Amino acid sequence: MTQETQMNSNTTIRGALAALAAAAAMAGTGALQAADFKGKTVRVVIGYAAGGGYDTYGRQVARHIGRHLPGKPIVVAQNRPGAGSLNAVNYIYYQAPKDGTVFATFARSVPLLAFSGQSKQAKFDPTKLTWIGTSSSYQGEAYLMVVRKDTGIRSINDLRKAEKPLNFASTSFGSDGTDVPAVLRDILGINVQPLRGYPGGNTLYLAVERGEAQARMVGYASMKTAQPGWLKPDSPVRVILQFATKTRLPDFPDAPTALEVVTKQDDKDLIAMMETPFYLARPFAAPPGLKPDVTAALREGFMKAHADPKYKADAERLRLLTSPLDGAEVQKLIERLGKMNPALFARYAKILENPKSPLRKVQWTKVQGEIAKLGKKGRFQFKVAGKDKAEEARVGEDGYTEITINGKKAKDKDLKAGMKCEMLYEGPGSYAGKLTCTM
């Protein structure tokens, strides 16, 4: 081999090695390239209708996380309510793209439903979801049992002695608002009855305000955000029990925790199992099978968003209690829950086999008039014929409101100001059950 040939050979080898080194370097930085969301739209799917606690936390994340994701994508919130938020979970588990552009927030009870087999709609493995994090780990939080003061109920003991069952406003099977009072009824012997069929968080508040239901379960943070009047001395309700907290919150010193009022160890174990999901109180998860670099980018962006001064300022304005955990920590909680004693899951499922939870009977009011103004989150002003002042109503998501325009089925986006309509609703501020409109 000549010297020139040897030099050329060495050059070729060096070039090949340089190419391999470059490829290795690209592999090392592939996470950044693969996780680049530039020019994409990221959707935060919210498993409940607009107006409740999950909606507020979901929209808060949607407002702020985009600044902390690679490529700074546009982020939009999208409500997808139904089946106690299981519609949203099934969507991300089976249908949503697995590229990080879709993730969801849903009921914290979802993993418990899946592990216990209690819900036919919870056919997924919670450990396979890509957990992004939770906005709250329930520090300084509690899930409160509130009852109307005019019921005369002041304690759990009073609720045991109640002659008639107290109706607890709730959304559907699988929701905390339905399942927690049903299980506590069995454990504590209290005379309560979850009343299902409300489309979203604010309708649960309205049901109690109107006396259609006498009680509900509600998170402290949600109440501070959506119904702060319930924390004032002249509140129409009182708190009689605190769930998912080891110690009493200072705001409710006379309301015991659930573990304080049970004596049997198996009852304490069941309550402890039910309380575990609350420590991932406002969970966010993406579909299974995301690339590791995309998962890392979402988790990092999630935590950075919560540390952002703009996020914190918004949270203070909205009265949100935030104590975030990243996705890796949430994953550990999920795995721990899945490994609990199967007997506890079996007992939980058996109690909920016959939850004695009827659907509410809706008293519809029929009015005629026109849509005066369209607002945000499904709100609209409706000018009722013969009345001087327009009334506020709302369109429910996920098909709750049946809309017909010129004899054809339509969606809320098709509604226009000035349309003449006949509306079925429950009164000012409530959701419309049916809108029959003409152009």
Protein backbone atom coordinates (compact mmCIF):
# COMPACT_ATOMS: atom_id res chain seq x y z
CA MET A 1 0.00 0.00 0.00
CA THR A 2 1.43 3.39 -0.99
CA GLN A 3 1.70 6.27 1.45
CA GLU A 4 -0.98 8.13 -0.50
CA THR A 5 -3.29 5.14 -0.41
CA GLN A 6 -2.70 4.75 3.35
CA MET A 7 -3.52 8.45 3.91
CA ASN A 8 -6.71 8.13 1.88
CA SER A 9 -7.66 5.02 3.86
CA ASN A 10 -7.04 6.80 7.16
CA THR A 11 -9.09 9.75 5.98
CA THR A 12 -11.94 7.42 5.08
CA ILE A 13 -11.77 5.73 8.47
CA ARG A 14 -11.66 9.08 10.28
CA GLY A 15 -14.64 10.23 8.22
CA ALA A 16 -16.58 7.10 9.06
CA LEU A 17 -15.76 7.49 12.75
CA ALA A 18 -16.80 11.13 12.62
CA ALA A 19 -20.09 10.14 11.00
CA LEU A 20 -20.68 7.54 13.71
CA ALA A 21 -19.86 10.09 16.38
CA ALA A 22 -22.27 12.56 14.80
CA ALA A 23 -24.96 9.90 14.66
CA ALA A 24 -24.38 9.08 18.32
CA ALA A 25 -24.58 12.75 19.19
CA MET A 26 -27.83 13.05 17.26
CA ALA A 27 -29.18 10.05 19.16
CA GLY A 28 -28.24 11.78 22.38
CA THR A 29 -30.09 14.91 21.37
CA GLY A 30 -32.90 13.01 19.67
CA ALA A 31 -35.08 13.64 22.71
CA LEU A 32 -35.10 17.34 21.98
CA GLN A 33 -35.88 16.86 18.31
CA ALA A 34 -38.55 14.18 18.87
CA ALA A 35 -40.22 16.24 21.59
CA ASP A 36 -40.35 19.44 19.55
CA PHE A 37 -43.96 20.68 19.53
CA LYS A 38 -43.24 23.70 17.32
CA GLY A 39 -46.14 24.46 14.97
CA LYS A 40 -48.39 21.88 16.69
CA THR A 41 -51.52 22.32 18.77
CA VAL A 42 -51.64 20.51 22.09
CA ARG A 43 -55.05 19.64 23.51
CA VAL A 44 -55.80 19.33 27.21
CA VAL A 45 -58.92 17.16 27.40
CA ILE A 46 -61.04 17.85 30.49
CA GLY A 47 -63.28 14.99 31.61
CA TYR A 48 -66.01 17.24 32.98
CA ALA A 49 -68.23 20.05 31.76
CA ALA A 50 -67.16 23.67 32.09
CA GLY A 51 -67.40 25.40 35.43
CA GLY A 52 -66.24 22.84 38.00
CA GLY A 53 -62.98 22.22 39.82
CA TYR A 54 -61.46 19.84 37.26
CA ASP A 55 -62.30 22.31 34.50
CA THR A 56 -60.64 25.16 36.39
CA TYR A 57 -57.43 23.21 37.02
CA GLY A 58 -57.39 21.85 33.47
CA ARG A 59 -57.71 25.28 31.92
CA GLN A 60 -55.09 26.65 34.26
CA VAL A 61 -52.57 24.08 32.98
CA ALA A 62 -53.63 24.73 29.37
CA ARG A 63 -52.99 28.46 29.82
CA HIS A 64 -49.44 28.04 31.09
CA ILE A 65 -47.80 24.80 29.99
CA GLY A 66 -47.23 25.87 26.36
CA ARG A 67 -44.46 28.29 27.37
CA HIS A 68 -42.57 25.40 28.95
CA LEU A 69 -42.81 22.80 26.18
CA PRO A 70 -40.21 22.52 23.39
CA GLY A 71 -41.32 24.65 20.46
CA LYS A 72 -43.82 26.60 22.60
CA PRO A 73 -46.97 25.15 20.98
CA ILE A 74 -50.48 26.52 21.11
CA VAL A 75 -52.37 24.74 23.89
CA VAL A 76 -56.17 24.55 23.98
CA ALA A 77 -58.58 23.12 26.55
CA GLN A 78 -61.37 20.85 25.37
CA ASN A 79 -64.20 19.58 27.57
CA ARG A 80 -65.17 15.95 27.00
CA PRO A 81 -67.54 15.09 29.87
CA GLY A 82 -69.47 11.91 30.47
CA ALA A 83 -69.48 8.75 32.59
CA GLY A 84 -67.76 10.42 35.54
CA SER A 85 -64.88 11.49 33.24
CA LEU A 86 -64.32 7.93 31.92
CA ASN A 87 -65.18 9.15 28.43
CA ALA A 88 -62.05 11.28 28.50
CA VAL A 89 -59.85 8.47 29.85
CA ASN A 90 -61.09 5.95 27.30
CA TYR A 91 -60.47 8.50 24.57
CA ILE A 92 -56.82 9.07 25.46
CA TYR A 93 -56.23 5.39 26.19
CA TYR A 94 -57.67 4.00 22.94
CA GLN A 95 -58.09 6.79 20.38
CA ALA A 96 -55.93 9.87 20.96
CA PRO A 97 -52.63 10.25 19.07
CA LYS A 98 -49.62 8.94 20.98
CA ASP A 99 -47.32 11.85 20.17
CA GLY A 100 -47.80 14.08 23.22
CA THR A 101 -50.24 16.45 21.52
CA VAL A 102 -53.16 15.20 23.62
CA PHE A 103 -53.35 14.63 27.35
CA ALA A 104 -56.21 14.75 29.82
CA THR A 105 -57.35 15.51 33.32
CA PHE A 106 -60.06 13.37 34.89
CA ALA A 107 -61.47 12.07 38.16
CA ARG A 108 -58.87 10.99 40.67
CA SER A 109 -61.06 7.94 41.38
CA VAL A 110 -60.45 6.53 37.89
CA PRO A 111 -57.52 4.26 38.89
CA LEU A 112 -59.55 2.86 41.80
CA LEU A 113 -62.46 2.08 39.47
CA ALA A 114 -60.17 0.27 37.05
CA PHE A 115 -58.31 -1.76 39.70
CA SER A 116 -61.54 -2.79 41.46
CA GLY A 117 -63.36 -3.70 38.25
CA GLN A 118 -66.33 -1.79 39.61
CA SER A 119 -67.07 0.04 36.35
CA LYS A 120 -67.64 -1.73 33.03
CA GLN A 121 -66.39 1.41 31.29
CA ALA A 122 -63.04 1.42 33.09
CA LYS A 123 -61.44 -1.20 30.86
CA PHE A 124 -57.86 -0.01 30.91
CA ASP A 125 -54.71 -0.49 32.94
CA PRO A 126 -53.93 2.69 34.93
CA THR A 127 -50.27 1.70 35.15
CA LYS A 128 -49.96 1.97 31.36
CA LEU A 129 -51.19 5.55 31.14
CA THR A 130 -48.40 8.10 30.74
CA TRP A 131 -48.73 10.04 33.98
CA ILE A 132 -47.67 13.67 33.57
CA GLY A 133 -48.33 14.90 37.09
CA THR A 134 -50.94 16.30 39.43
CA SER A 135 -51.59 19.95 40.22
CA SER A 136 -52.47 19.05 43.78
CA SER A 137 -51.22 16.33 46.11
CA TYR A 138 -53.97 17.32 48.57
CA GLN A 139 -51.74 19.24 50.96
CA GLY A 140 -54.05 21.51 52.92
CA GLU A 141 -56.99 19.94 51.10
CA ALA A 142 -59.94 17.73 52.03
CA TYR A 143 -63.01 16.25 50.36
CA LEU A 144 -65.84 17.71 52.38
CA MET A 145 -69.31 16.45 53.16
CA VAL A 146 -71.57 19.50 53.18
CA VAL A 147 -75.26 19.55 54.07
CA ARG A 148 -77.85 22.29 53.98
CA LYS A 149 -78.28 23.94 57.38
CA ASP A 150 -82.05 23.88 57.08
CA THR A 151 -81.98 20.06 57.28
CA GLY A 152 -81.04 20.36 60.93
CA ILE A 153 -78.18 17.88 60.38
CA ARG A 154 -75.14 18.97 62.40
CA SER A 155 -73.13 15.75 62.65
CA ILE A 156 -72.62 12.24 61.32
CA ASN A 157 -74.62 10.97 64.27
CA ASP A 158 -77.58 13.14 63.18
CA LEU A 159 -77.22 11.71 59.69
CA ARG A 160 -77.44 8.19 61.10
CA LYS A 161 -80.73 9.08 62.78
CA ALA A 162 -82.26 10.90 59.79
CA GLU A 163 -85.75 9.56 59.02
CA LYS A 164 -85.48 10.27 55.29
CA PRO A 165 -82.36 9.84 53.16
CA LEU A 166 -80.54 13.03 52.26
CA ASN A 167 -80.08 13.42 48.51
CA PHE A 168 -76.44 13.99 47.56
CA ALA A 169 -76.13 15.78 44.20
CA SER A 170 -73.74 13.87 41.91
CA THR A 171 -72.86 13.33 38.28
CA SER A 172 -72.67 9.58 37.58
CA PHE A 173 -71.44 6.21 38.74
CA GLY A 174 -67.68 6.23 39.08
CA SER A 175 -67.50 9.81 40.30
CA ASP A 176 -66.34 10.61 43.83
CA GLY A 177 -69.58 12.47 44.43
CA THR A 178 -71.55 9.26 43.86
CA ASP A 179 -69.23 6.55 45.15
CA VAL A 180 -67.82 8.13 48.31
CA PRO A 181 -71.21 8.81 49.99
CA ALA A 182 -72.43 5.36 48.87
CA VAL A 183 -69.46 3.62 50.54
CA LEU A 184 -69.64 5.84 53.63
CA ARG A 185 -73.32 4.94 53.88
CA ASP A 186 -72.29 1.30 54.19
CA ILE A 187 -69.40 1.93 56.61
CA LEU A 188 -70.98 4.59 58.81
CA GLY A 189 -74.66 3.64 58.60
CA ILE A 190 -75.70 7.11 57.45
CA ASN A 191 -79.02 7.71 55.70
CA VAL A 192 -77.89 9.20 52.38
CA GLN A 193 -78.73 8.70 48.72
CA PRO A 194 -76.59 9.93 45.81
CA LEU A 195 -78.80 11.58 43.21
CA ARG A 196 -77.18 11.16 39.78
CA GLY A 197 -77.59 12.94 36.48
CA TYR A 198 -76.13 16.42 36.90
CA PRO A 199 -73.99 17.45 33.92
CA GLY A 200 -71.20 19.28 35.71
CA GLY A 201 -69.74 20.88 38.82
CA ASN A 202 -71.67 24.12 38.87
CA THR A 203 -75.01 22.28 38.53
CA LEU A 204 -74.17 20.35 41.70
CA TYR A 205 -73.77 23.62 43.58
CA LEU A 206 -77.00 24.91 42.05
CA ALA A 207 -78.91 21.76 43.06
CA VAL A 208 -77.93 22.25 46.71
CA GLU A 209 -78.57 26.00 46.57
CA ARG A 210 -82.11 25.37 45.28
CA GLY A 211 -82.78 22.56 47.76
CA GLU A 212 -83.28 19.96 45.03
CA ALA A 213 -80.51 18.05 46.79
CA GLN A 214 -79.69 18.55 50.45
CA ALA A 215 -76.00 17.72 50.36
CA ARG A 216 -72.94 16.94 48.26
CA MET A 217 -69.28 15.96 48.49
CA VAL A 218 -66.95 18.74 47.36
CA GLY A 219 -63.25 19.51 47.43
CA TYR A 220 -62.16 22.39 49.62
CA ALA A 221 -60.20 23.98 46.75
CA SER A 222 -63.15 23.65 44.40
CA MET A 223 -65.44 25.30 46.92
CA LYS A 224 -62.99 28.17 47.41
CA THR A 225 -62.85 28.65 43.66
CA ALA A 226 -66.40 28.05 42.48
CA GLN A 227 -68.57 28.73 45.56
CA PRO A 228 -66.66 30.90 48.06
CA GLY A 229 -69.94 31.98 49.66
CA TRP A 230 -70.18 28.53 51.21
CA LEU A 231 -67.17 29.39 53.37
CA LYS A 232 -68.79 32.46 54.90
CA PRO A 233 -70.65 32.57 58.25
CA ASP A 234 -73.99 33.06 56.49
CA SER A 235 -73.41 30.04 54.24
CA PRO A 236 -76.50 27.91 53.54
CA VAL A 237 -74.46 24.75 54.22
CA ARG A 238 -72.25 23.32 56.93
CA VAL A 239 -69.35 20.87 56.77
CA ILE A 240 -69.92 17.74 58.88
CA LEU A 241 -67.13 15.42 57.71
CA GLN A 242 -63.67 15.67 56.16
CA PHE A 243 -62.44 12.91 53.85
CA ALA A 244 -58.92 12.29 52.49
CA THR A 245 -57.16 14.29 55.17
CA LYS A 246 -55.25 12.92 58.14
CA THR A 247 -55.95 15.99 60.29
CA ARG A 248 -58.82 18.45 60.44
CA LEU A 249 -58.45 21.56 58.32
CA PRO A 250 -58.29 24.72 60.47
CA ASP A 251 -61.34 26.16 58.70
CA PHE A 252 -63.50 23.26 59.95
CA PRO A 253 -62.33 22.40 63.48
CA ASP A 254 -65.65 20.81 64.46
CA ALA A 255 -65.88 18.47 61.47
CA PRO A 256 -64.10 15.14 62.14
CA THR A 257 -62.09 13.22 59.58
CA ALA A 258 -63.51 9.97 58.22
CA LEU A 259 -60.88 7.93 60.05
CA GLU A 260 -61.90 9.54 63.35
CA VAL A 261 -65.45 8.19 63.18
CA VAL A 262 -64.70 4.54 62.37
CA THR A 263 -63.51 1.95 64.85
CA LYS A 264 -63.12 -1.34 62.93
CA GLN A 265 -59.75 -1.94 61.30
CA ASP A 266 -61.21 -3.31 58.06
CA ASP A 267 -63.31 -0.13 57.74
CA LYS A 268 -60.21 1.99 58.32
CA ASP A 269 -58.35 0.00 55.66
CA LEU A 270 -61.15 0.52 53.15
CA ILE A 271 -61.24 4.26 53.81
CA ALA A 272 -57.44 4.43 53.50
CA MET A 273 -57.66 2.70 50.12
CA MET A 274 -60.37 5.10 48.92
CA GLU A 275 -58.39 8.09 50.12
CA THR A 276 -55.20 7.15 48.24
CA PRO A 277 -56.37 8.54 44.86
CA PHE A 278 -57.02 11.90 46.47
CA TYR A 279 -53.29 12.41 46.86
CA LEU A 280 -53.17 12.68 43.09
CA ALA A 281 -56.09 15.04 43.39
CA ARG A 282 -55.92 16.79 40.00
CA PRO A 283 -54.23 14.20 37.79
CA PHE A 284 -53.03 14.67 34.21
CA ALA A 285 -52.12 11.75 31.96
CA ALA A 286 -51.36 11.13 28.31
CA PRO A 287 -51.99 7.98 26.22
CA PRO A 288 -49.90 4.84 26.74
CA GLY A 289 -46.84 4.28 24.62
CA LEU A 290 -45.38 7.78 24.37
CA LYS A 291 -41.70 7.99 23.50
CA PRO A 292 -39.53 8.51 26.60
CA ASP A 293 -38.32 11.91 25.39
CA VAL A 294 -41.89 13.13 24.81
CA THR A 295 -42.89 11.89 28.26
CA ALA A 296 -39.91 13.69 29.80
CA ALA A 297 -40.77 16.92 27.96
CA LEU A 298 -44.40 16.84 29.14
CA ARG A 299 -43.45 16.09 32.74
CA GLU A 300 -40.77 18.77 32.81
CA GLY A 301 -43.08 21.32 31.18
CA PHE A 302 -45.83 20.47 33.66
CA MET A 303 -43.65 21.08 36.69
CA LYS A 304 -42.07 24.23 35.22
CA ALA A 305 -45.54 25.63 34.50
CA HIS A 306 -46.51 25.20 38.16
CA ALA A 307 -43.33 26.98 39.26
CA ASP A 308 -43.94 29.85 36.85
CA PRO A 309 -44.75 33.16 38.63
CA LYS A 310 -47.53 33.77 36.09
CA TYR A 311 -49.10 30.42 36.96
CA LYS A 312 -48.83 31.20 40.67
CA ALA A 313 -50.41 34.62 40.22
CA ASP A 314 -53.30 33.09 38.30
CA ALA A 315 -53.70 30.35 40.90
CA GLU A 316 -53.91 32.93 43.67
CA ARG A 317 -56.49 34.92 41.74
CA LEU A 318 -58.55 31.78 41.11
CA ARG A 319 -58.07 30.55 44.71
CA LEU A 320 -56.46 27.32 43.52
CA LEU A 321 -54.59 25.22 46.06
CA THR A 322 -51.54 23.86 44.27
CA SER A 323 -49.03 21.33 45.57
CA PRO A 324 -47.83 19.60 42.38
CA LEU A 325 -46.20 16.20 41.98
CA ASP A 326 -44.42 15.12 38.82
CA GLY A 327 -45.44 12.15 36.72
CA ALA A 328 -42.86 9.78 38.17
CA GLU A 329 -44.24 10.32 41.68
CA VAL A 330 -47.81 9.89 40.46
CA GLN A 331 -46.77 6.66 38.74
CA LYS A 332 -45.50 5.36 42.10
CA LEU A 333 -48.84 6.18 43.75
CA ILE A 334 -50.71 4.35 40.98
CA GLU A 335 -48.52 1.27 41.31
CA ARG A 336 -48.91 1.32 45.10
CA LEU A 337 -52.70 1.48 44.75
CA GLY A 338 -52.68 -1.42 42.31
CA LYS A 339 -50.81 -3.61 44.79
CA MET A 340 -53.26 -3.15 47.68
CA ASN A 341 -55.09 -6.12 49.21
CA PRO A 342 -57.52 -7.55 46.61
CA ALA A 343 -60.06 -8.11 49.39
CA LEU A 344 -60.39 -4.34 49.77
CA PHE A 345 -61.12 -3.92 46.05
CA ALA A 346 -63.64 -6.76 46.25
CA ARG A 347 -65.46 -5.16 49.17
CA TYR A 348 -65.45 -1.78 47.45
CA ALA A 349 -66.91 -3.28 44.27
CA LYS A 350 -69.56 -5.24 46.18
CA ILE A 351 -70.80 -2.14 47.99
CA LEU A 352 -71.17 -0.33 44.68
CA GLU A 353 -72.93 -3.21 42.91
CA ASN A 354 -76.21 -1.80 44.20
CA PRO A 355 -75.48 1.85 45.00
CA LYS A 356 -79.16 2.86 45.38
CA SER A 357 -78.48 5.99 43.39
CA PRO A 358 -81.47 7.08 41.29
CA LEU A 359 -81.42 9.56 38.46
CA ARG A 360 -82.77 12.97 39.26
CA LYS A 361 -86.14 13.97 37.86
CA VAL A 362 -85.77 17.14 35.86
CA GLN A 363 -88.54 19.73 36.06
CA TRP A 364 -88.19 21.39 32.68
CA THR A 365 -89.54 24.87 31.99
CA LYS A 366 -90.51 25.64 28.38
CA VAL A 367 -89.92 29.20 27.18
CA GLN A 368 -89.84 30.92 23.81
CA GLY A 369 -87.70 33.85 22.71
CA GLU A 370 -84.39 34.52 21.01
CA ILE A 371 -80.68 34.18 21.67
CA ALA A 372 -79.56 37.69 22.61
CA LYS A 373 -75.83 37.05 23.06
CA LEU A 374 -73.39 34.15 22.97
CA GLY A 375 -70.76 33.89 25.70
CA LYS A 376 -67.89 31.59 26.68
CA LYS A 377 -68.01 28.02 27.98
CA GLY A 378 -71.47 27.40 26.52
CA ARG A 379 -73.10 30.39 28.19
CA PHE A 380 -75.65 32.48 26.32
CA GLN A 381 -78.17 35.21 27.03
CA PHE A 382 -81.76 34.31 26.16
CA LYS A 383 -84.46 36.96 25.76
CA VAL A 384 -87.67 35.29 26.89
CA ALA A 385 -90.77 36.57 25.13
CA GLY A 386 -92.68 38.96 27.36
CA LYS A 387 -89.77 39.66 29.72
CA ASP A 388 -87.65 42.80 29.75
CA LYS A 389 -84.38 41.27 30.89
CA ALA A 390 -82.45 38.50 29.17
CA GLU A 391 -81.72 35.39 31.23
CA GLU A 392 -78.47 33.42 31.27
CA ALA A 393 -78.51 29.76 30.29
CA ARG A 394 -75.87 27.24 29.28
CA VAL A 395 -75.39 24.58 26.64
CA GLY A 396 -74.26 21.28 28.13
CA GLU A 397 -71.42 19.37 26.51
CA ASP A 398 -71.32 15.81 25.23
CA GLY A 399 -74.85 15.96 23.82
CA TYR A 400 -76.53 16.99 27.07
CA THR A 401 -78.35 19.79 25.22
CA GLU A 402 -80.33 18.59 22.20
CA ILE A 403 -80.03 21.30 19.55
CA THR A 404 -82.18 21.55 16.41
CA ILE A 405 -81.90 24.37 13.87
CA ASN A 406 -84.44 24.59 11.02
CA GLY A 407 -85.50 21.03 11.72
CA LYS A 408 -81.97 19.56 11.58
CA LYS A 409 -79.72 18.38 14.40
CA ALA A 410 -76.98 20.89 15.16
CA LYS A 411 -74.16 21.67 17.58
CA ASP A 412 -73.59 24.57 19.93
CA LYS A 413 -71.13 26.14 17.49
CA ASP A 414 -74.05 26.53 15.04
CA LEU A 415 -76.01 28.77 17.38
CA LYS A 416 -76.15 32.46 16.44
CA ALA A 417 -77.33 35.59 18.20
CA GLY A 418 -80.77 36.57 16.94
CA MET A 419 -82.04 33.01 16.45
CA LYS A 420 -85.64 32.44 17.49
CA CYS A 421 -85.82 29.41 19.77
CA GLU A 422 -87.96 27.33 22.05
CA MET A 423 -85.93 26.25 25.07
CA LEU A 424 -86.37 23.64 27.77
CA TYR A 425 -84.35 24.50 30.87
CA GLU A 426 -84.55 24.51 34.65
CA GLY A 427 -84.54 28.23 35.19
CA PRO A 428 -82.08 31.14 34.95
CA GLY A 429 -78.43 30.09 35.04
CA SER A 430 -79.13 26.41 34.36
CA TYR A 431 -78.26 24.14 31.45
CA ALA A 432 -80.66 23.90 28.55
CA GLY A 433 -82.02 20.42 27.92
CA LYS A 434 -83.32 21.24 24.46
CA LEU A 435 -83.08 24.14 22.00
CA THR A 436 -85.31 24.19 18.93
CA CYS A 437 -84.29 27.18 16.80
CA THR A 438 -84.91 28.79 13.44
CA MET A 439 -82.74 31.22 11.49
